[in-house]
C-alpha atoms as a PDB file:
ATOM      1  CA  MET A   1     -16.331  -3.287  13.885  1.00  0.00           C
ATOM      2  CA  ARG A   2     -14.812   0.055  12.886  1.00  0.00           C
ATOM      3  CA  LYS A   3     -17.027   2.137  10.570  1.00  0.00           C
ATOM      4  CA  ARG A   4     -14.048   3.720   8.847  1.00  0.00           C
ATOM      5  CA  THR A   5     -10.353   2.967   8.365  1.00  0.00           C
ATOM      6  CA  ASN A   6      -8.265   5.944   7.287  1.00  0.00           C
ATOM      7  CA  ILE A   7      -4.877   5.189   5.740  1.00  0.00           C
ATOM      8  CA  ARG A   8      -2.166   7.748   4.985  1.00  0.00           C
ATOM      9  CA  MET A   9       0.629   6.641   2.666  1.00  0.00           C
ATOM     10  CA  SER A  10       3.835   8.673   2.684  1.00  0.00           C
ATOM     11  CA  GLY A  11       6.522   7.987   0.125  1.00  0.00           C
ATOM     12  CA  LEU A  12       8.626   9.450  -2.647  1.00  0.00           C
ATOM     13  CA  GLY A  13       7.770  10.053  -6.282  1.00  0.00           C
ATOM     14  CA  GLY A  14       8.002   6.898  -8.393  1.00  0.00           C
ATOM     15  CA  GLN A  15       7.323   4.459  -5.547  1.00  0.00           C
ATOM     16  CA  GLY A  16       3.702   3.837  -6.415  1.00  0.00           C
ATOM     17  CA  ALA A  17       2.036   5.166  -3.257  1.00  0.00           C
ATOM     18  CA  VAL A  18      -0.754   6.652  -5.378  1.00  0.00           C
ATOM     19  CA  THR A  19      -1.268   3.327  -7.159  1.00  0.00           C
ATOM     20  CA  ALA A  20      -1.264   1.511  -3.808  1.00  0.00           C
ATOM     21  CA  ALA A  21      -4.090   3.697  -2.489  1.00  0.00           C
ATOM     22  CA  HIS A  22      -6.071   3.155  -5.689  1.00  0.00           C
ATOM     23  CA  VAL A  23      -5.647  -0.631  -5.563  1.00  0.00           C
ATOM     24  CA  MET A  24      -6.654  -0.725  -1.886  1.00  0.00           C
ATOM     25  CA  ALA A  25      -9.785   1.312  -2.628  1.00  0.00           C
ATOM     26  CA  MET A  26     -10.683  -0.937  -5.562  1.00  0.00           C
ATOM     27  CA  ALA A  27     -10.208  -4.044  -3.411  1.00  0.00           C
ATOM     28  CA  ALA A  28     -12.464  -2.573  -0.728  1.00  0.00           C
ATOM     29  CA  ASN A  29     -15.188  -2.115  -3.329  1.00  0.00           C
ATOM     30  CA  LYS A  30     -14.765  -5.753  -4.360  1.00  0.00           C
ATOM     31  CA  ASP A  31     -15.324  -6.659  -0.693  1.00  0.00           C
ATOM     32  CA  GLY A  32     -18.590  -4.719  -0.703  1.00  0.00           C
ATOM     33  CA  LYS A  33     -17.227  -1.749   1.232  1.00  0.00           C
ATOM     34  CA  PHE A  34     -17.182   1.939   0.390  1.00  0.00           C
ATOM     35  CA  SER A  35     -13.900   3.672  -0.371  1.00  0.00           C
ATOM     36  CA  ILE A  36     -12.200   6.798  -1.697  1.00  0.00           C
ATOM     37  CA  SER A  37      -8.544   7.252  -2.635  1.00  0.00           C
ATOM     38  CA  ASN A  38      -6.779  10.429  -3.631  1.00  0.00           C
ATOM     39  CA  PRO A  39      -3.194  11.655  -4.086  1.00  0.00           C
ATOM     40  CA  PHE A  40      -1.420  14.694  -2.664  1.00  0.00           C
ATOM     41  CA  PHE A  41       1.905  15.808  -4.116  1.00  0.00           C
ATOM     42  CA  GLY A  42       3.809  18.816  -5.368  1.00  0.00           C
ATOM     43  CA  ALA A  43       6.555  18.398  -7.952  1.00  0.00           C
ATOM     44  CA  GLU A  44       5.843  15.342 -10.091  1.00  0.00           C
ATOM     45  CA  LYS A  45       9.352  13.907 -10.135  1.00  0.00           C
ATOM     46  CA  ARG A  46      11.167  10.918  -8.727  1.00  0.00           C
ATOM     47  CA  MET A  47      12.264  11.129  -5.085  1.00  0.00           C
ATOM     48  CA  ALA A  48      10.088  14.173  -4.362  1.00  0.00           C
ATOM     49  CA  PRO A  49       7.633  13.786  -1.439  1.00  0.00           C
ATOM     50  CA  ALA A  50       4.337  12.131  -2.361  1.00  0.00           C
ATOM     51  CA  GLU A  51       1.354  11.216  -0.221  1.00  0.00           C
ATOM     52  CA  SER A  52      -1.832   9.360  -0.924  1.00  0.00           C
ATOM     53  CA  TYR A  53      -4.888   8.676   1.167  1.00  0.00           C
ATOM     54  CA  CYS A  54      -7.294   5.776   1.266  1.00  0.00           C
ATOM     55  CA  ARG A  55     -10.538   5.818   3.196  1.00  0.00           C
ATOM     56  CA  ILE A  56     -12.412   2.533   3.583  1.00  0.00           C
ATOM     57  CA  GLY A  57     -15.654   2.044   5.460  1.00  0.00           C
ATOM     58  CA  SER A  58     -18.980   0.283   5.842  1.00  0.00           C
ATOM     59  CA  GLU A  59     -20.888   3.485   5.064  1.00  0.00           C
ATOM     60  CA  ARG A  60     -20.738   5.887   2.121  1.00  0.00           C
ATOM     61  CA  ILE A  61     -17.750   8.251   2.275  1.00  0.00           C
ATOM     62  CA  TYR A  62     -17.999  11.862   1.151  1.00  0.00           C
ATOM     63  CA  ASP A  63     -14.897  13.622   2.474  1.00  0.00           C
ATOM     64  CA  ARG A  64     -11.732  13.902   0.427  1.00  0.00           C
ATOM     65  CA  GLY A  65      -8.486  15.804   0.663  1.00  0.00           C
ATOM     66  CA  GLU A  66      -5.651  15.575   3.148  1.00  0.00           C
ATOM     67  CA  LEU A  67      -6.023  12.893   5.804  1.00  0.00           C
ATOM     68  CA  VAL A  68      -5.065  14.565   9.072  1.00  0.00           C
ATOM     69  CA  TYR A  69      -6.022  11.859  11.583  1.00  0.00           C
ATOM     70  CA  PRO A  70      -5.170   8.434  10.141  1.00  0.00           C
ATOM     71  CA  ASP A  71      -5.734   5.067  11.775  1.00  0.00           C
ATOM     72  CA  ILE A  72      -2.846   3.664   9.745  1.00  0.00           C
ATOM     73  CA  ILE A  73       0.298   5.329   8.406  1.00  0.00           C
ATOM     74  CA  MET A  74       2.430   3.618   5.759  1.00  0.00           C
ATOM     75  CA  VAL A  75       5.987   4.863   5.170  1.00  0.00           C
ATOM     76  CA  PHE A  76       7.209   3.739   1.760  1.00  0.00           C
ATOM     77  CA  HIS A  77      10.795   5.054   1.980  1.00  0.00           C
ATOM     78  CA  PRO A  78      13.267   5.625   4.868  1.00  0.00           C
ATOM     79  CA  GLN A  79      13.882   9.222   3.719  1.00  0.00           C
ATOM     80  CA  VAL A  80      10.345  10.087   4.759  1.00  0.00           C
ATOM     81  CA  ILE A  81      11.709   9.722   8.297  1.00  0.00           C
ATOM     82  CA  THR A  82      15.455  10.375   8.014  1.00  0.00           C
ATOM     83  CA  LEU A  83      15.248  13.437   5.742  1.00  0.00           C
ATOM     84  CA  GLN A  84      11.675  14.474   6.603  1.00  0.00           C
ATOM     85  CA  LYS A  85      10.608  14.104   2.975  1.00  0.00           C
ATOM     86  CA  SER A  86       6.978  14.335   3.919  1.00  0.00           C
ATOM     87  CA  TYR A  87       4.167  16.862   3.733  1.00  0.00           C
ATOM     88  CA  THR A  88       3.273  15.855   7.281  1.00  0.00           C
ATOM     89  CA  ALA A  89       5.786  16.626  10.030  1.00  0.00           C
ATOM     90  CA  PRO A  90       6.539  14.680  12.053  1.00  0.00           C
ATOM     91  CA  PHE A  91       5.587  11.817   9.752  1.00  0.00           C
ATOM     92  CA  TYR A  92       3.364  10.221  12.424  1.00  0.00           C
ATOM     93  CA  SER A  93       1.463  13.433  13.139  1.00  0.00           C
ATOM     94  CA  GLY A  94      -2.224  12.879  13.824  1.00  0.00           C
ATOM     95  CA  ILE A  95      -2.105   9.096  14.167  1.00  0.00           C
ATOM     96  CA  LYS A  96      -4.947   7.860  16.326  1.00  0.00           C
ATOM     97  CA  LYS A  97      -4.633   6.020  19.594  1.00  0.00           C
ATOM     98  CA  GLY A  98      -4.256   2.287  18.985  1.00  0.00           C
ATOM     99  CA  GLY A  99      -3.179   2.956  15.407  1.00  0.00           C
ATOM    100  CA  LEU A 100      -0.758   1.136  13.145  1.00  0.00           C
ATOM    101  CA  LEU A 101       2.528   2.317  11.613  1.00  0.00           C
ATOM    102  CA  ILE A 102       4.097   0.315   8.770  1.00  0.00           C
ATOM    103  CA  ILE A 103       7.646   1.218   7.689  1.00  0.00           C
ATOM    104  CA  ASN A 104       9.492  -0.086   4.642  1.00  0.00           C
ATOM    105  CA  SER A 105      13.098  -0.233   5.834  1.00  0.00           C
ATOM    106  CA  ASN A 106      15.903  -2.722   6.439  1.00  0.00           C
ATOM    107  CA  SER A 107      16.962  -0.936   9.644  1.00  0.00           C
ATOM    108  CA  GLU A 108      15.527   0.729  12.731  1.00  0.00           C
ATOM    109  CA  LEU A 109      14.625   4.366  11.971  1.00  0.00           C
ATOM    110  CA  LEU A 110      12.668   5.553  14.999  1.00  0.00           C
ATOM    111  CA  SER A 111      14.338   7.689  17.630  1.00  0.00           C
ATOM    112  CA  LYS A 112      13.848   7.182  21.360  1.00  0.00           C
ATOM    113  CA  GLU A 113      11.442  10.138  21.362  1.00  0.00           C
ATOM    114  CA  ASP A 114       9.483   8.676  18.437  1.00  0.00           C
ATOM    115  CA  LYS A 115       9.092   5.355  20.226  1.00  0.00           C
ATOM    116  CA  GLU A 116       7.981   6.983  23.474  1.00  0.00           C
ATOM    117  CA  TYR A 117       5.364   9.082  21.673  1.00  0.00           C
ATOM    118  CA  LEU A 118       3.984   6.101  19.766  1.00  0.00           C
ATOM    119  CA  ASP A 119       4.047   3.860  22.841  1.00  0.00           C
ATOM    120  CA  ASN A 120       1.973   6.416  24.731  1.00  0.00           C
ATOM    121  CA  LEU A 121      -0.651   6.183  22.007  1.00  0.00           C
ATOM    122  CA  ASN A 122      -0.438   2.386  21.930  1.00  0.00           C
ATOM    123  CA  VAL A 123       0.544   2.490  18.249  1.00  0.00           C
ATOM    124  CA  SER A 124       1.817  -0.791  16.814  1.00  0.00           C
ATOM    125  CA  VAL A 125       4.922  -0.494  14.616  1.00  0.00           C
ATOM    126  CA  TYR A 126       5.739  -3.007  11.881  1.00  0.00           C
ATOM    127  CA  THR A 127       9.105  -2.478  10.160  1.00  0.00           C
ATOM    128  CA  PHE A 128      10.025  -4.773   7.295  1.00  0.00           C
ATOM    129  CA  ASP A 129      12.183  -4.714   4.176  1.00  0.00           C
ATOM    130  CA  GLY A 130       9.483  -4.489   1.536  1.00  0.00           C
ATOM    131  CA  THR A 131      11.931  -3.434  -1.166  1.00  0.00           C
ATOM    132  CA  SER A 132      14.074  -6.559  -0.754  1.00  0.00           C
ATOM    133  CA  LEU A 133      10.938  -8.702  -0.702  1.00  0.00           C
ATOM    134  CA  ALA A 134       9.807  -7.120  -3.982  1.00  0.00           C
ATOM    135  CA  LEU A 135      13.222  -7.694  -5.555  1.00  0.00           C
ATOM    136  CA  GLU A 136      13.263 -11.311  -4.413  1.00  0.00           C
ATOM    137  CA  ILE A 137       9.783 -12.217  -5.667  1.00  0.00           C
ATOM    138  CA  ALA A 138       8.967  -9.802  -8.483  1.00  0.00           C
ATOM    139  CA  GLY A 139      12.518  -9.033  -9.573  1.00  0.00           C
ATOM    140  CA  THR A 140      12.039  -5.271  -9.321  1.00  0.00           C
ATOM    141  CA  GLU A 141      11.907  -2.680  -6.552  1.00  0.00           C
ATOM    142  CA  LEU A 142       8.959  -1.131  -8.408  1.00  0.00           C
ATOM    143  CA  SER A 143       6.822  -3.790  -6.719  1.00  0.00           C
ATOM    144  CA  SER A 144       7.655  -2.405  -3.261  1.00  0.00           C
ATOM    145  CA  ASN A 145       4.191  -0.867  -3.206  1.00  0.00           C
ATOM    146  CA  MET A 146       2.742  -4.353  -3.650  1.00  0.00           C
ATOM    147  CA  ALA A 147       4.701  -5.480  -0.591  1.00  0.00           C
ATOM    148  CA  MET A 148       3.264  -2.529   1.344  1.00  0.00           C
ATOM    149  CA  ILE A 149      -0.264  -3.414   0.236  1.00  0.00           C
ATOM    150  CA  GLY A 150       0.270  -6.971   1.432  1.00  0.00           C
ATOM    151  CA  ALA A 151       1.598  -5.807   4.780  1.00  0.00           C
ATOM    152  CA  VAL A 152      -1.245  -3.445   5.634  1.00  0.00           C
ATOM    153  CA  SER A 153      -3.845  -5.981   4.519  1.00  0.00           C
ATOM    154  CA  GLY A 154      -2.201  -8.827   6.400  1.00  0.00           C
ATOM    155  CA  ILE A 155      -2.203  -6.920   9.675  1.00  0.00           C
ATOM    156  CA  SER A 156      -5.466  -4.975   9.474  1.00  0.00           C
ATOM    157  CA  LYS A 157      -7.535  -7.324   7.258  1.00  0.00           C
ATOM    158  CA  VAL A 158      -9.190  -4.165   5.920  1.00  0.00           C
ATOM    159  CA  VAL A 159      -9.370  -5.850   2.500  1.00  0.00           C
ATOM    160  CA  SER A 160      -9.160  -9.518   1.539  1.00  0.00           C
ATOM    161  CA  LEU A 161      -6.525 -11.260  -0.572  1.00  0.00           C
ATOM    162  CA  GLU A 162      -9.214 -12.369  -2.991  1.00  0.00           C
ATOM    163  CA  SER A 163     -10.361  -8.797  -3.569  1.00  0.00           C
ATOM    164  CA  LEU A 164      -6.784  -7.592  -3.944  1.00  0.00           C
ATOM    165  CA  ASP A 165      -6.293 -10.177  -6.679  1.00  0.00           C
ATOM    166  CA  LEU A 166      -9.402  -8.900  -8.488  1.00  0.00           C
ATOM    167  CA  ALA A 167      -8.276  -5.288  -8.057  1.00  0.00           C
ATOM    168  CA  ILE A 168      -4.806  -6.031  -9.454  1.00  0.00           C
ATOM    169  CA  GLN A 169      -6.360  -7.784 -12.436  1.00  0.00           C
ATOM    170  CA  GLU A 170      -8.631  -4.818 -13.095  1.00  0.00           C
ATOM    171  CA  ARG A 171      -5.936  -2.189 -12.542  1.00  0.00           C
ATOM    172  CA  PHE A 172      -3.185  -3.773 -14.631  1.00  0.00           C
ATOM    173  CA  GLY A 173      -4.711  -6.640 -16.577  1.00  0.00           C
ATOM    174  CA  LYS A 174      -6.658  -4.983 -19.365  1.00  0.00           C
ATOM    175  CA  LYS A 175      -6.861  -7.221 -22.383  1.00  0.00           C
ATOM    176  CA  PHE A 176      -5.160  -6.363 -25.643  1.00  0.00           C
ATOM    177  CA  VAL A 177      -7.540  -6.473 -28.594  1.00  0.00           C
ATOM    178  CA  ALA A 178      -6.218  -6.979 -32.100  1.00  0.00           C
ATOM    179  CA  SER A 179      -7.502  -4.578 -34.712  1.00  0.00           C
ATOM    180  CA  GLY A 180      -5.940  -6.485 -37.603  1.00  0.00           C
ATOM    181  CA  GLY A 181      -5.647 -10.070 -38.705  1.00  0.00           C
ATOM    182  CA  THR A 182      -2.001 -10.418 -39.640  1.00  0.00           C
ATOM    183  CA  ALA A 183      -0.030 -13.205 -38.027  1.00  0.00           C
ATOM    184  CA  SER A 184       2.771 -10.845 -37.019  1.00  0.00           C
ATOM    185  CA  LEU A 185       0.358  -8.516 -35.239  1.00  0.00           C
ATOM    186  CA  ASP A 186      -1.332 -11.390 -33.443  1.00  0.00           C
ATOM    187  CA  GLU A 187       2.027 -12.738 -32.305  1.00  0.00           C
ATOM    188  CA  ALA A 188       3.134  -9.341 -30.984  1.00  0.00           C
ATOM    189  CA  ILE A 189      -0.097  -9.019 -29.025  1.00  0.00           C
ATOM    190  CA  LYS A 190       0.338 -12.489 -27.541  1.00  0.00           C
ATOM    191  CA  LYS A 191       3.845 -11.633 -26.358  1.00  0.00           C
ATOM    192  CA  LYS A 192       2.719  -8.336 -24.852  1.00  0.00           C
ATOM    193  CA  PHE A 193      -0.169  -9.983 -23.058  1.00  0.00           C
ATOM    194  CA  ALA A 194       2.085 -12.803 -21.812  1.00  0.00           C
ATOM    195  CA  LYS A 195       4.413 -10.240 -20.262  1.00  0.00           C
ATOM    196  CA  LYS A 196       1.489  -8.516 -18.576  1.00  0.00           C
ATOM    197  CA  GLU A 197       0.200 -11.820 -17.234  1.00  0.00           C
ATOM    198  CA  GLN A 198       3.651 -12.510 -15.801  1.00  0.00           C
ATOM    199  CA  LEU A 199       3.704  -9.061 -14.205  1.00  0.00           C
ATOM    200  CA  LEU A 200       0.306  -9.663 -12.625  1.00  0.00           C
ATOM    201  CA  GLU A 201       1.421 -12.995 -11.209  1.00  0.00           C
ATOM    202  CA  LYS A 202       4.604 -11.544  -9.718  1.00  0.00           C
ATOM    203  CA  ASN A 203       2.807  -8.571  -8.198  1.00  0.00           C
ATOM    204  CA  MET A 204       0.195 -10.817  -6.620  1.00  0.00           C
ATOM    205  CA  ALA A 205       2.875 -13.221  -5.375  1.00  0.00           C
ATOM    206  CA  THR A 206       4.586 -10.265  -3.673  1.00  0.00           C
ATOM    207  CA  ILE A 207       1.325  -9.221  -2.058  1.00  0.00           C
ATOM    208  CA  ARG A 208       0.590 -12.756  -0.846  1.00  0.00           C
ATOM    209  CA  LYS A 209       4.029 -13.299   0.702  1.00  0.00           C
ATOM    210  CA  SER A 210       3.989  -9.913   2.407  1.00  0.00           C
ATOM    211  CA  TYR A 211       0.444 -10.573   3.631  1.00  0.00           C
ATOM    212  CA  GLU A 212       1.511 -13.883   5.155  1.00  0.00           C
ATOM    213  CA  LEU A 213       4.557 -12.401   6.909  1.00  0.00           C
ATOM    214  CA  ALA A 214       2.625  -9.437   8.277  1.00  0.00           C
ATOM    215  CA  SER A 215      -0.306 -11.588   9.358  1.00  0.00           C
ATOM    216  CA  ALA A 216       2.054 -13.883  11.267  1.00  0.00           C
ATOM    217  CA  TRP A 217       3.680 -10.846  12.911  1.00  0.00           C
ATOM    218  CA  ALA A 218       0.262  -9.557  13.980  1.00  0.00           C
ATOM    219  CA  GLU A 219      -0.627 -12.935  15.496  1.00  0.00           C
ATOM    220  CA  ASP A 220       2.690 -13.156  17.327  1.00  0.00           C
ATOM    221  CA  ASN A 221       2.115  -9.686  18.775  1.00  0.00           C
ATOM    222  CA  LYS A 222      -1.529 -10.459  19.556  1.00  0.00           C
ATOM    223  CA  LEU A 223      -2.824  -7.607  17.466  1.00  0.00           C
ATOM    224  CA  ALA A 224      -6.502  -7.476  16.691  1.00  0.00           C
ATOM    225  CA  VAL A 225      -7.207  -4.500  14.459  1.00  0.00           C
ATOM    226  CA  ALA A 226     -10.952  -4.181  14.077  1.00  0.00           C
ATOM    227  CA  VAL A 227     -11.849  -3.189  10.533  1.00  0.00           C
END
């Protein structure tokens, strides 16, 4: 049993890497573990580099800030690799021996040198098209971060599906409370809440499908990540 799992998420602005780290940390708490998540970014605009970090463990966690030596690295966008849109260069810098690299891409992005370096550290690499999965299930690429959450959880089992469901409900499912009694207001609130319920269902469906695919991949490759 590993006392701590350190996850570095590298993406671009607008992809929800910060939200992903927060949801993972919340889910860990639901599982009775300790966790801390925090973002790291410069310009707050779409397509600018953005990183987030999630630390999950069986003991209380005090350290924050940049995560230099991650057990798991999640790449949310191909440009993190192809255009080096990352605050960490190379993007896999610091990954621990026996670590895990998850890449959201519909094509192979690693160079021969990248593969040799990662092979020497016995790092497992899972590349999958999380964006297409999000579009297929949730109907929007904005749910790509949900696909990434499902993938890392399916392989590492660092948090459970049940706790992810609770975390999603808490993060996005706040109830709407009517302050007035008019029928029109009540109807508007019902519609708004119905849309949110639908969003929650689609996000969780994306997580579940991605979890299943990644879990099957881990079994096929005989991976046993101790968390």
